[in-house]
Amino acid sequence: MILTQQLDRMDRAATASDLYEFSAKLYPICRSITGNGLRQTLRMIQERIPLELQEVPSGTQVLDWTVPKEWNISDAYVKDSSGRRIVDFQKCNLHVVNYSIPVHSRMPLSELKKHIHTLPEHPDWIPYRTSYYKEDWGFCLSYAHAVSLPEGEYEVCIDSSLGDGHLSYGELLLPGTSNHEILISCHVCHPSLANDNLSGITVATRLAQLVAKTTHRYSYRFLFIPGTIGAITWLSRNPESSKRIRHGLVLTCIGDRNSFHYKKSRQENAEIDRAVAHVLKHSDPSAKLLPFSPYGYDERQFCSPGFNLPVGCLMRSVWGTFPEYHTSMDNLHLLDPESLIGSLKVCASIFDLLESNRRFKNLAPFGEPQLGRRGLYPSMGGISPEKELHARLWTLNLSDGNHSLLDIAERSGLPFDIVCESAELLFQKGLLATAD
């Protein structure tokens, strides 16, 4: 199991700390689905892996969508009658509704309130709001702050631009011995949100570093894309590449302390669905499997009926269900370094399983072959068989050229790595031949 072995050889504390520190470096950047903040993020990823940056012009038709205008922002504030900044984009980029059009005006509180968004149920939290596809503007404040604003005139400024430019995304293909691909995708469009954005970015980046150091059967394609429009754009531009995808994962919300959740692909019983289910069963017994639904993150684009790719979504807390989701409380305190490296290890285990999942044919199928003279059976009879012996017997019995090692692991209830080791040993002893 090459990736997990490589990870196990690393200093766990140092790796966990590096994952967290990379998230911390990315955290202050004001990202969006286009613009300089997105490019800055991609370049910082590019410092760690050889990412290719793609630029798609505004107005480009991509499937049923159009690449939007590019948005950038340099400053924003609300000043009271004394000229004091009472809302300051420089202190928290969530204060501005993402994709707000430029505005500079004076207005009474009654007019300003029409453009203020709050969370009354969490009076001290700042919400994250967007207006990507309808030109508008606004500010996001804590409810406690908003209700404390006195009557009077306010100066409102959003120093932004919205015009022809590009949609940016990053792509890395690590070729394997086969052109069949494993897709790893994460979104890179959110501003200062840690679990819902940065956790996926940091784990995917480190995963790419691990894969790049190994010899692997599958080719691995990593996508760092803005949500929804990024996946749609990539699919529109890469119809042939999409046909080579055999397994895929969207990574998001995988840095908090919750147990794992996995949303299945539209196929619901694809090999990736079974692989994730098996790994989680043996690594996180409290993990939950969720059925596919056409709502969520970019798995719904990859799983749209015209493509129907086997792509699921791996999470810890499920997007939209944890209280901090899309608020200022989804900050670096929500990220746990141990959870980040734990998520990395689960991903490595999933891909190790997919890499190792083969079919074999028993070369001595008539009766059980004598394992004792081959050193594969305990010399003392009457002792309960260990897992390794169970794995050898199951592997011999089901290796008929039709059952994969994952099939055998599922049916026997044994961990995949033990079944894989038994197959390799039986192969070396001349009892199995490869059937793939």
Protein backbone atom coordinates (compact mmCIF):
# COMPACT_ATOMS: atom_id res chain seq x y z
CA MET A 1 0.00 0.00 0.00
CA ILE A 2 2.39 2.59 -1.38
CA LEU A 3 0.77 5.93 -0.48
CA THR A 4 -0.06 4.99 3.10
CA GLN A 5 3.42 3.52 3.60
CA GLN A 6 4.96 6.73 2.30
CA LEU A 7 2.76 8.75 4.65
CA ASP A 8 3.60 6.51 7.61
CA ARG A 9 7.30 7.17 7.06
CA MET A 10 6.78 10.90 7.51
CA ASP A 11 6.86 12.75 10.80
CA ARG A 12 3.15 12.81 11.63
CA ALA A 13 3.25 15.93 13.80
CA ALA A 14 5.30 17.86 11.25
CA THR A 15 2.99 16.84 8.39
CA ALA A 16 -0.11 17.79 10.37
CA SER A 17 1.44 21.13 11.25
CA ASP A 18 2.37 21.82 7.62
CA LEU A 19 -1.20 21.12 6.47
CA TYR A 20 -2.55 23.54 9.05
CA GLU A 21 0.07 26.21 8.32
CA PHE A 22 -0.68 26.10 4.59
CA SER A 23 -4.35 26.67 5.40
CA ALA A 24 -3.35 29.60 7.61
CA LYS A 25 -1.36 31.18 4.75
CA LEU A 26 -4.31 30.90 2.40
CA TYR A 27 -6.91 32.03 4.92
CA PRO A 28 -6.65 35.86 4.60
CA ILE A 29 -7.08 35.93 0.81
CA CYS A 30 -10.35 37.24 -0.59
CA ARG A 31 -11.18 34.58 -3.17
CA SER A 32 -14.11 34.37 -5.53
CA ILE A 33 -15.11 32.41 -8.64
CA THR A 34 -12.86 34.72 -10.69
CA GLY A 35 -10.26 37.37 -10.01
CA ASN A 36 -6.88 38.04 -8.50
CA GLY A 37 -7.58 36.38 -5.16
CA LEU A 38 -8.30 33.12 -6.98
CA ARG A 39 -5.11 33.47 -9.04
CA GLN A 40 -3.04 34.24 -5.94
CA THR A 41 -4.37 31.07 -4.32
CA LEU A 42 -3.55 28.96 -7.38
CA ARG A 43 -0.02 30.39 -7.52
CA MET A 44 0.53 29.49 -3.86
CA ILE A 45 -0.56 25.93 -4.63
CA GLN A 46 1.72 26.06 -7.68
CA GLU A 47 4.69 26.69 -5.36
CA ARG A 48 4.11 23.18 -3.96
CA ILE A 49 3.00 21.18 -7.01
CA PRO A 50 3.48 21.78 -10.79
CA LEU A 51 -0.04 23.07 -11.34
CA GLU A 52 -1.00 24.31 -14.81
CA LEU A 53 -3.06 27.49 -14.66
CA GLN A 54 -5.90 27.75 -17.16
CA GLU A 55 -7.61 31.02 -18.13
CA VAL A 56 -11.02 31.01 -19.83
CA PRO A 57 -12.29 34.38 -21.17
CA SER A 58 -15.46 35.98 -19.83
CA GLY A 59 -18.40 35.36 -22.12
CA THR A 60 -17.23 31.87 -23.15
CA GLN A 61 -20.13 29.45 -23.57
CA VAL A 62 -19.60 26.40 -21.35
CA LEU A 63 -22.41 23.84 -21.64
CA ASP A 64 -25.58 25.72 -20.64
CA TRP A 65 -23.63 28.42 -18.79
CA THR A 66 -21.53 31.45 -19.70
CA VAL A 67 -18.23 32.32 -18.01
CA PRO A 68 -19.08 35.44 -15.97
CA LYS A 69 -17.30 38.76 -15.82
CA GLU A 70 -14.20 38.90 -13.68
CA TRP A 71 -14.56 40.43 -10.21
CA ASN A 72 -11.86 42.10 -8.16
CA ILE A 73 -11.96 44.18 -5.00
CA SER A 74 -9.36 46.36 -3.30
CA ASP A 75 -11.29 47.97 -0.44
CA ALA A 76 -14.72 48.49 1.09
CA TYR A 77 -16.09 50.25 4.13
CA VAL A 78 -19.01 51.94 5.83
CA LYS A 79 -18.20 55.18 7.66
CA ASP A 80 -20.38 56.92 10.22
CA SER A 81 -21.03 60.67 10.33
CA SER A 82 -17.69 61.26 12.09
CA GLY A 83 -15.77 59.52 9.29
CA ARG A 84 -14.93 56.45 11.40
CA ARG A 85 -14.92 53.08 9.63
CA ILE A 86 -17.57 51.02 11.38
CA VAL A 87 -17.45 48.26 8.75
CA ASP A 88 -14.03 47.50 7.28
CA PHE A 89 -13.26 45.00 4.51
CA GLN A 90 -9.59 45.13 5.48
CA LYS A 91 -10.40 43.57 8.86
CA CYS A 92 -12.73 40.86 7.53
CA ASN A 93 -13.31 40.15 3.84
CA LEU A 94 -16.62 38.43 4.64
CA HIS A 95 -18.03 41.90 5.39
CA VAL A 96 -18.65 42.41 1.65
CA VAL A 97 -21.15 40.38 -0.35
CA ASN A 98 -18.92 38.49 -2.76
CA TYR A 99 -19.19 39.88 -6.31
CA SER A 100 -20.62 43.22 -5.13
CA ILE A 101 -20.65 45.85 -7.85
CA PRO A 102 -18.78 49.11 -7.15
CA VAL A 103 -20.62 51.74 -5.12
CA HIS A 104 -19.64 55.01 -3.45
CA SER A 105 -22.51 56.95 -1.94
CA ARG A 106 -23.98 58.58 1.16
CA MET A 107 -27.28 57.28 2.49
CA PRO A 108 -29.43 57.15 5.60
CA LEU A 109 -29.50 54.07 7.82
CA SER A 110 -32.92 53.07 6.44
CA GLU A 111 -31.42 52.72 2.95
CA LEU A 112 -28.23 51.04 4.16
CA LYS A 113 -30.26 48.40 6.02
CA LYS A 114 -31.64 47.16 2.70
CA HIS A 115 -28.12 46.01 1.84
CA ILE A 116 -27.12 44.48 5.19
CA HIS A 117 -27.14 40.73 5.84
CA THR A 118 -27.04 39.21 9.33
CA LEU A 119 -27.60 35.97 11.24
CA PRO A 120 -30.05 36.75 14.08
CA GLU A 121 -29.80 33.16 15.35
CA HIS A 122 -26.04 33.70 15.86
CA PRO A 123 -25.86 37.38 16.80
CA ASP A 124 -22.05 37.57 16.97
CA TRP A 125 -21.29 35.79 13.71
CA ILE A 126 -20.78 37.36 10.26
CA PRO A 127 -22.47 35.52 7.39
CA TYR A 128 -20.89 34.77 4.00
CA ARG A 129 -23.09 35.83 1.09
CA THR A 130 -22.61 35.98 -2.69
CA SER A 131 -24.29 37.49 -5.73
CA TYR A 132 -22.39 35.92 -8.61
CA TYR A 133 -25.00 36.00 -11.35
CA LYS A 134 -27.10 39.05 -10.43
CA GLU A 135 -25.45 42.44 -10.16
CA ASP A 136 -26.01 43.72 -6.64
CA TRP A 137 -24.06 44.91 -3.62
CA GLY A 138 -24.19 44.49 0.11
CA PHE A 139 -22.46 44.15 3.46
CA CYS A 140 -22.46 41.30 5.97
CA LEU A 141 -22.42 42.19 9.66
CA SER A 142 -23.00 40.44 12.93
CA TYR A 143 -26.59 40.91 14.04
CA ALA A 144 -25.41 42.54 17.28
CA HIS A 145 -23.40 45.06 15.28
CA ALA A 146 -26.21 45.81 12.82
CA VAL A 147 -28.87 46.51 15.47
CA SER A 148 -26.47 48.83 17.32
CA LEU A 149 -26.10 51.23 14.37
CA PRO A 150 -27.60 54.64 15.25
CA GLU A 151 -29.78 56.66 12.94
CA GLY A 152 -27.85 59.03 10.73
CA GLU A 153 -26.07 59.34 7.40
CA TYR A 154 -23.41 56.86 6.34
CA GLU A 155 -20.71 56.86 3.67
CA VAL A 156 -20.72 53.57 1.76
CA CYS A 157 -17.85 52.48 -0.48
CA ILE A 158 -17.12 49.25 -2.31
CA ASP A 159 -14.02 49.70 -4.44
CA SER A 160 -14.53 46.76 -6.80
CA SER A 161 -14.53 46.09 -10.52
CA LEU A 162 -16.65 43.81 -12.68
CA GLY A 163 -15.65 43.47 -16.32
CA ASP A 164 -14.29 41.31 -19.07
CA GLY A 165 -11.50 39.08 -17.84
CA HIS A 166 -11.06 35.38 -17.21
CA LEU A 167 -12.10 32.44 -15.10
CA SER A 168 -9.00 30.77 -13.65
CA TYR A 169 -8.47 27.21 -12.50
CA GLY A 170 -5.57 24.91 -11.79
CA GLU A 171 -4.99 21.41 -13.20
CA LEU A 172 -2.34 18.77 -12.63
CA LEU A 173 -2.15 15.43 -14.44
CA LEU A 174 0.22 12.82 -13.03
CA PRO A 175 0.43 10.08 -15.70
CA GLY A 176 0.38 6.43 -14.64
CA THR A 177 1.04 3.23 -16.54
CA SER A 178 -2.61 3.41 -17.68
CA ASN A 179 -4.44 6.38 -19.14
CA HIS A 180 -7.46 5.52 -16.98
CA GLU A 181 -7.80 8.32 -14.46
CA ILE A 182 -8.61 9.05 -10.84
CA LEU A 183 -10.04 12.56 -10.41
CA ILE A 184 -9.48 14.61 -7.25
CA SER A 185 -11.36 17.91 -7.24
CA CYS A 186 -11.75 20.73 -4.71
CA HIS A 187 -13.15 24.23 -4.90
CA VAL A 188 -10.91 27.26 -4.45
CA CYS A 189 -13.43 30.10 -4.60
CA HIS A 190 -14.35 30.88 -1.00
CA PRO A 191 -12.71 33.75 0.90
CA SER A 192 -11.79 33.31 4.58
CA LEU A 193 -13.58 30.01 5.19
CA ALA A 194 -11.35 27.29 6.60
CA ASN A 195 -13.16 23.95 6.73
CA ASP A 196 -15.38 24.62 3.73
CA ASN A 197 -12.62 25.31 1.25
CA LEU A 198 -9.12 25.36 2.69
CA SER A 199 -9.21 21.86 4.18
CA GLY A 200 -9.89 20.37 0.75
CA ILE A 201 -7.20 22.50 -0.90
CA THR A 202 -4.46 21.61 1.58
CA VAL A 203 -5.23 17.87 1.67
CA ALA A 204 -5.47 17.67 -2.15
CA THR A 205 -2.17 19.53 -2.54
CA ARG A 206 -0.33 17.20 -0.17
CA LEU A 207 -1.99 14.17 -1.78
CA ALA A 208 -0.62 15.31 -5.16
CA GLN A 209 2.85 15.53 -3.62
CA LEU A 210 2.52 11.95 -2.35
CA VAL A 211 1.29 10.58 -5.67
CA ALA A 212 4.04 12.37 -7.59
CA LYS A 213 6.67 10.39 -5.63
CA THR A 214 5.23 6.97 -6.49
CA THR A 215 4.88 4.67 -9.45
CA HIS A 216 1.16 4.19 -10.00
CA ARG A 217 -1.18 2.32 -12.29
CA TYR A 218 -3.81 5.03 -12.69
CA SER A 219 -3.23 8.53 -13.96
CA TYR A 220 -4.24 11.14 -11.38
CA ARG A 221 -5.93 14.39 -12.37
CA PHE A 222 -6.13 17.12 -9.72
CA LEU A 223 -8.52 20.03 -10.26
CA PHE A 224 -8.51 23.21 -8.19
CA ILE A 225 -11.57 24.99 -9.49
CA PRO A 226 -14.18 27.59 -8.53
CA GLY A 227 -17.40 25.94 -7.40
CA THR A 228 -20.05 24.97 -9.97
CA ILE A 229 -18.88 27.15 -12.86
CA GLY A 230 -15.36 25.70 -12.61
CA ALA A 231 -16.51 22.08 -12.94
CA ILE A 232 -18.90 23.01 -15.73
CA THR A 233 -16.11 24.86 -17.54
CA TRP A 234 -13.68 21.94 -17.21
CA LEU A 235 -16.27 19.41 -18.41
CA SER A 236 -17.17 21.62 -21.35
CA ARG A 237 -13.53 21.95 -22.41
CA ASN A 238 -12.49 18.33 -21.75
CA PRO A 239 -15.11 15.91 -23.12
CA GLU A 240 -12.48 13.34 -24.12
CA SER A 241 -10.51 13.54 -20.86
CA SER A 242 -13.72 13.08 -18.87
CA LYS A 243 -14.26 9.70 -20.59
CA ARG A 244 -11.04 8.40 -19.05
CA ILE A 245 -12.17 9.02 -15.45
CA ARG A 246 -12.74 5.70 -13.67
CA HIS A 247 -12.95 6.99 -10.08
CA GLY A 248 -13.26 10.41 -8.50
CA LEU A 249 -13.53 12.30 -5.23
CA VAL A 250 -14.59 15.84 -4.41
CA LEU A 251 -12.85 16.89 -1.18
CA THR A 252 -14.47 19.46 1.09
CA CYS A 253 -15.07 20.12 4.81
CA ILE A 254 -12.48 17.53 5.86
CA GLY A 255 -10.53 19.49 8.48
CA ASP A 256 -12.82 19.53 11.51
CA ARG A 257 -13.10 16.94 14.30
CA ASN A 258 -16.26 15.22 13.10
CA SER A 259 -16.44 11.64 11.82
CA PHE A 260 -16.35 11.07 8.08
CA HIS A 261 -19.33 11.32 5.76
CA TYR A 262 -19.26 10.09 2.19
CA LYS A 263 -21.85 11.03 -0.40
CA LYS A 264 -22.04 8.33 -3.03
CA SER A 265 -21.78 8.91 -6.75
CA ARG A 266 -24.90 8.88 -8.91
CA GLN A 267 -24.05 5.28 -9.79
CA GLU A 268 -24.24 4.52 -6.03
CA ASN A 269 -22.33 1.23 -6.33
CA ALA A 270 -19.33 2.31 -8.38
CA GLU A 271 -15.94 0.97 -7.38
CA ILE A 272 -15.09 4.32 -5.74
CA ASP A 273 -18.26 4.07 -3.62
CA ARG A 274 -17.33 0.57 -2.48
CA ALA A 275 -13.68 1.50 -1.90
CA VAL A 276 -14.56 4.47 0.30
CA ALA A 277 -17.17 2.45 2.21
CA HIS A 278 -14.62 -0.31 2.86
CA VAL A 279 -11.86 2.04 4.03
CA LEU A 280 -14.20 3.96 6.33
CA LYS A 281 -15.64 0.75 7.78
CA HIS A 282 -12.19 -0.28 8.98
CA SER A 283 -10.82 3.18 9.89
CA ASP A 284 -13.81 5.12 11.24
CA PRO A 285 -16.68 2.86 12.37
CA SER A 286 -18.86 5.90 13.13
CA ALA A 287 -18.59 7.16 9.55
CA LYS A 288 -21.83 7.52 7.59
CA LEU A 289 -22.58 6.83 3.93
CA LEU A 290 -25.01 9.22 2.27
CA PRO A 291 -27.07 8.56 -0.86
CA PHE A 292 -26.49 10.59 -3.98
CA SER A 293 -28.57 13.73 -4.47
CA PRO A 294 -28.33 16.31 -7.27
CA TYR A 295 -27.58 19.05 -4.73
CA GLY A 296 -24.27 19.79 -3.10
CA TYR A 297 -20.80 20.45 -4.45
CA ASP A 298 -19.17 19.68 -7.78
CA GLU A 299 -19.93 15.96 -7.61
CA ARG A 300 -23.34 16.93 -8.97
CA GLN A 301 -21.71 18.34 -12.12
CA PHE A 302 -19.50 15.30 -12.67
CA CYS A 303 -22.52 13.08 -11.94
CA SER A 304 -24.94 14.95 -14.22
CA PRO A 305 -26.70 12.37 -16.43
CA GLY A 306 -24.84 13.26 -19.62
CA PHE A 307 -21.49 12.48 -17.95
CA ASN A 308 -22.54 10.15 -15.09
CA LEU A 309 -18.98 9.90 -13.83
CA PRO A 310 -18.22 7.77 -10.75
CA VAL A 311 -17.40 10.73 -8.50
CA GLY A 312 -18.38 10.94 -4.84
CA CYS A 313 -17.85 13.58 -2.15
CA LEU A 314 -15.74 12.96 0.96
CA MET A 315 -16.40 15.15 4.00
CA ARG A 316 -16.19 15.15 7.74
CA SER A 317 -18.99 17.57 8.64
CA VAL A 318 -21.53 17.72 5.84
CA TRP A 319 -21.68 21.04 4.02
CA GLY A 320 -24.64 23.18 5.05
CA THR A 321 -25.31 21.22 8.25
CA PHE A 322 -22.68 22.40 10.74
CA PRO A 323 -23.46 25.72 12.48
CA GLU A 324 -20.27 27.46 11.39
CA TYR A 325 -20.91 26.77 7.68
CA HIS A 326 -20.63 29.93 5.56
CA THR A 327 -19.98 32.17 8.54
CA SER A 328 -17.02 33.91 10.16
CA MET A 329 -16.85 31.04 12.66
CA ASP A 330 -15.58 28.71 9.93
CA ASN A 331 -12.16 30.00 10.83
CA LEU A 332 -8.79 28.46 11.60
CA HIS A 333 -9.97 27.45 15.08
CA LEU A 334 -12.36 25.00 13.43
CA LEU A 335 -9.47 23.21 11.72
CA ASP A 336 -7.70 20.43 13.59
CA PRO A 337 -4.20 19.42 12.38
CA GLU A 338 -4.79 15.80 13.40
CA SER A 339 -8.05 15.74 11.44
CA LEU A 340 -6.30 17.11 8.36
CA ILE A 341 -3.65 14.39 8.39
CA GLY A 342 -6.31 11.81 9.22
CA SER A 343 -8.23 12.89 6.12
CA LEU A 344 -5.05 12.69 4.07
CA LYS A 345 -4.45 9.13 5.28
CA VAL A 346 -8.01 8.07 4.44
CA CYS A 347 -7.58 9.44 0.91
CA ALA A 348 -4.25 7.61 0.59
CA SER A 349 -5.89 4.37 1.76
CA ILE A 350 -8.71 4.75 -0.77
CA PHE A 351 -6.32 5.25 -3.66
CA ASP A 352 -4.04 2.45 -2.49
CA LEU A 353 -7.06 0.16 -2.56
CA LEU A 354 -8.02 1.23 -6.08
CA GLU A 355 -4.42 0.80 -7.25
CA SER A 356 -4.20 -2.71 -5.77
CA ASN A 357 -7.65 -4.00 -6.65
CA ARG A 358 -7.08 -6.83 -9.15
CA ARG A 359 -8.58 -10.16 -10.15
CA PHE A 360 -6.71 -13.43 -9.82
CA LYS A 361 -7.28 -17.01 -10.90
CA ASN A 362 -6.68 -19.98 -8.63
CA LEU A 363 -4.21 -22.37 -10.30
CA ALA A 364 -5.17 -25.24 -7.96
CA PRO A 365 -8.97 -24.92 -7.87
CA PHE A 366 -9.85 -28.60 -7.30
CA GLY A 367 -9.94 -29.00 -3.56
CA GLU A 368 -7.99 -26.88 -1.13
CA PRO A 369 -4.26 -26.85 -1.98
CA GLN A 370 -1.95 -28.08 0.75
CA LEU A 371 -0.81 -24.84 2.38
CA GLY A 372 1.30 -26.46 5.11
CA ARG A 373 4.07 -27.70 2.81
CA ARG A 374 4.26 -24.20 1.35
CA GLY A 375 4.63 -22.60 4.78
CA LEU A 376 1.18 -21.02 4.54
CA TYR A 377 -0.61 -22.97 7.28
CA PRO A 378 0.14 -23.26 11.03
CA SER A 379 2.15 -26.39 11.78
CA MET A 380 0.23 -27.00 15.03
CA GLY A 381 -3.34 -28.16 14.40
CA GLY A 382 -6.35 -27.24 16.51
CA ILE A 383 -5.40 -23.57 16.71
CA SER A 384 -8.02 -21.05 15.58
CA PRO A 385 -7.00 -19.57 12.21
CA GLU A 386 -5.66 -16.04 12.31
CA LYS A 387 -6.88 -13.30 9.97
CA GLU A 388 -4.00 -13.98 7.61
CA LEU A 389 -5.00 -17.63 7.19
CA HIS A 390 -8.65 -16.67 6.74
CA ALA A 391 -7.55 -14.21 4.04
CA ARG A 392 -5.53 -16.90 2.21
CA LEU A 393 -8.45 -19.34 2.22
CA TRP A 394 -10.98 -16.72 1.10
CA THR A 395 -8.62 -15.47 -1.60
CA LEU A 396 -8.05 -18.98 -2.95
CA ASN A 397 -11.75 -19.80 -2.87
CA LEU A 398 -12.98 -16.67 -4.66
CA SER A 399 -10.10 -16.19 -7.10
CA ASP A 400 -11.98 -17.53 -10.10
CA GLY A 401 -11.12 -14.69 -12.45
CA ASN A 402 -14.43 -12.97 -11.74
CA HIS A 403 -14.02 -11.71 -8.16
CA SER A 404 -11.75 -8.77 -7.40
CA LEU A 405 -9.78 -8.43 -4.19
CA LEU A 406 -12.35 -5.84 -3.05
CA ASP A 407 -15.10 -8.39 -3.70
CA ILE A 408 -13.20 -10.85 -1.50
CA ALA A 409 -12.62 -8.28 1.25
CA GLU A 410 -16.28 -7.30 1.28
CA ARG A 411 -17.56 -10.87 1.37
CA SER A 412 -15.06 -12.06 3.99
CA GLY A 413 -15.35 -8.98 6.17
CA LEU A 414 -11.56 -8.73 6.26
CA PRO A 415 -9.56 -5.51 5.73
CA PHE A 416 -8.51 -5.05 2.10
CA ASP A 417 -4.80 -4.76 2.90
CA ILE A 418 -4.77 -8.24 4.51
CA VAL A 419 -6.55 -9.74 1.50
CA CYS A 420 -4.14 -7.93 -0.83
CA GLU A 421 -1.12 -9.25 1.08
CA SER A 422 -2.53 -12.79 0.96
CA ALA A 423 -3.00 -12.55 -2.82
CA GLU A 424 0.57 -11.36 -3.30
CA LEU A 425 1.90 -14.21 -1.15
CA LEU A 426 -0.21 -16.81 -2.95
CA PHE A 427 0.93 -15.38 -6.28
CA GLN A 428 4.57 -15.68 -5.23
CA LYS A 429 3.95 -19.31 -4.16
CA GLY A 430 2.57 -20.13 -7.61
CA LEU A 431 -1.01 -20.70 -6.46
CA LEU A 432 -2.50 -17.64 -8.20
CA ALA A 433 -2.16 -16.03 -11.62
CA THR A 434 -3.31 -12.54 -12.56
CA ALA A 435 -6.62 -12.47 -14.43
CA ASP A 436 -6.80 -8.78 -15.35
